[in-house]
């Protein structure tokens, strides 16, 4: 009761090196027409439309960009 049970889940990675490279390229490129910036969901949808992954969440995009120390230029107030 005092200690957590050891977790041994293994999650399959959604993005391989090629998909991550495409994600970075997209994030650094100009956003689609009619948009001023890329959103996490737009990036996820674009990777799916390019058939790099079957499905992808915006949270996976956020974590991948954070891991690579990239941002979409959105500054937090504070």
Protein backbone atom coordinates (compact mmCIF):
# COMPACT_ATOMS: atom_id res chain seq x y z
CA UNK A 1 0.00 0.00 0.00
CA UNK A 2 2.96 2.31 0.51
CA UNK A 3 4.68 1.62 -2.80
CA UNK A 4 3.37 1.77 -6.35
CA UNK A 5 3.37 -1.41 -8.34
CA UNK A 6 6.04 -1.42 -11.04
CA UNK A 7 4.55 -0.62 -14.42
CA UNK A 8 5.72 -2.55 -17.44
CA UNK A 9 3.65 -1.14 -20.28
CA UNK A 10 5.30 -0.84 -23.63
CA UNK A 11 3.90 1.63 -26.12
CA UNK A 12 4.57 1.41 -29.82
CA UNK A 13 6.00 4.61 -31.28
CA UNK A 14 3.70 6.33 -33.75
CA UNK A 15 6.41 8.38 -35.44
CA UNK A 16 9.56 6.89 -36.90
CA UNK A 17 12.57 8.99 -37.87
CA UNK A 18 11.17 9.74 -41.32
CA UNK A 19 7.81 10.92 -39.95
CA UNK A 20 9.57 13.03 -37.30
CA UNK A 21 11.67 14.66 -40.02
CA UNK A 22 8.53 15.47 -42.00
CA UNK A 23 6.91 16.88 -38.87
CA UNK A 24 9.84 19.22 -38.23
CA UNK A 25 9.87 20.28 -41.89
CA UNK A 26 6.16 21.03 -41.79
CA UNK A 27 6.37 22.90 -38.49
CA UNK A 28 9.12 25.11 -39.91
CA UNK A 29 7.32 25.74 -43.19
CA UNK A 30 4.62 28.26 -44.02
CA UNK A 31 1.15 27.30 -42.75
CA UNK A 32 -1.60 26.31 -45.17
CA UNK A 33 -3.43 29.04 -47.06
CA UNK A 34 -6.00 30.76 -44.91
CA UNK A 35 -4.07 30.05 -41.69
CA UNK A 36 -1.61 32.28 -39.92
CA UNK A 37 0.13 29.49 -37.98
CA UNK A 38 0.34 25.72 -37.85
CA UNK A 39 -1.65 24.15 -35.02
CA UNK A 40 -0.81 20.80 -33.46
CA UNK A 41 -3.98 19.33 -34.97
CA UNK A 42 -3.20 20.71 -38.44
CA UNK A 43 0.25 19.13 -38.29
CA UNK A 44 -1.21 15.80 -37.17
CA UNK A 45 -3.82 15.88 -39.94
CA UNK A 46 -1.17 16.72 -42.54
CA UNK A 47 1.01 13.75 -41.54
CA UNK A 48 -2.04 11.48 -41.84
CA UNK A 49 -2.92 12.94 -45.27
CA UNK A 50 0.67 12.30 -46.41
CA UNK A 51 0.16 8.62 -45.42
CA UNK A 52 3.10 8.73 -43.01
CA UNK A 53 0.90 7.42 -40.18
CA UNK A 54 -2.59 5.94 -39.96
CA UNK A 55 -3.68 8.10 -37.04
CA UNK A 56 -1.94 10.71 -34.94
CA UNK A 57 -3.03 12.88 -32.06
CA UNK A 58 -2.15 16.49 -31.52
CA UNK A 59 -0.63 15.47 -28.18
CA UNK A 60 1.87 13.19 -29.95
CA UNK A 61 2.81 16.12 -32.18
CA UNK A 62 3.27 18.36 -29.13
CA UNK A 63 5.45 15.82 -27.30
CA UNK A 64 7.58 15.19 -30.40
CA UNK A 65 8.18 18.89 -31.00
CA UNK A 66 8.93 19.43 -27.31
CA UNK A 67 11.41 16.53 -27.36
CA UNK A 68 13.15 18.21 -30.28
CA UNK A 69 13.01 21.57 -28.46
CA UNK A 70 10.86 23.14 -31.18
CA UNK A 71 7.84 25.32 -30.72
CA UNK A 72 5.35 26.88 -33.05
CA UNK A 73 6.29 30.34 -31.87
CA UNK A 74 3.42 30.55 -29.41
CA UNK A 75 4.49 32.45 -26.32
CA UNK A 76 2.86 31.86 -22.98
CA UNK A 77 1.80 34.85 -20.91
CA UNK A 78 3.56 35.11 -17.65
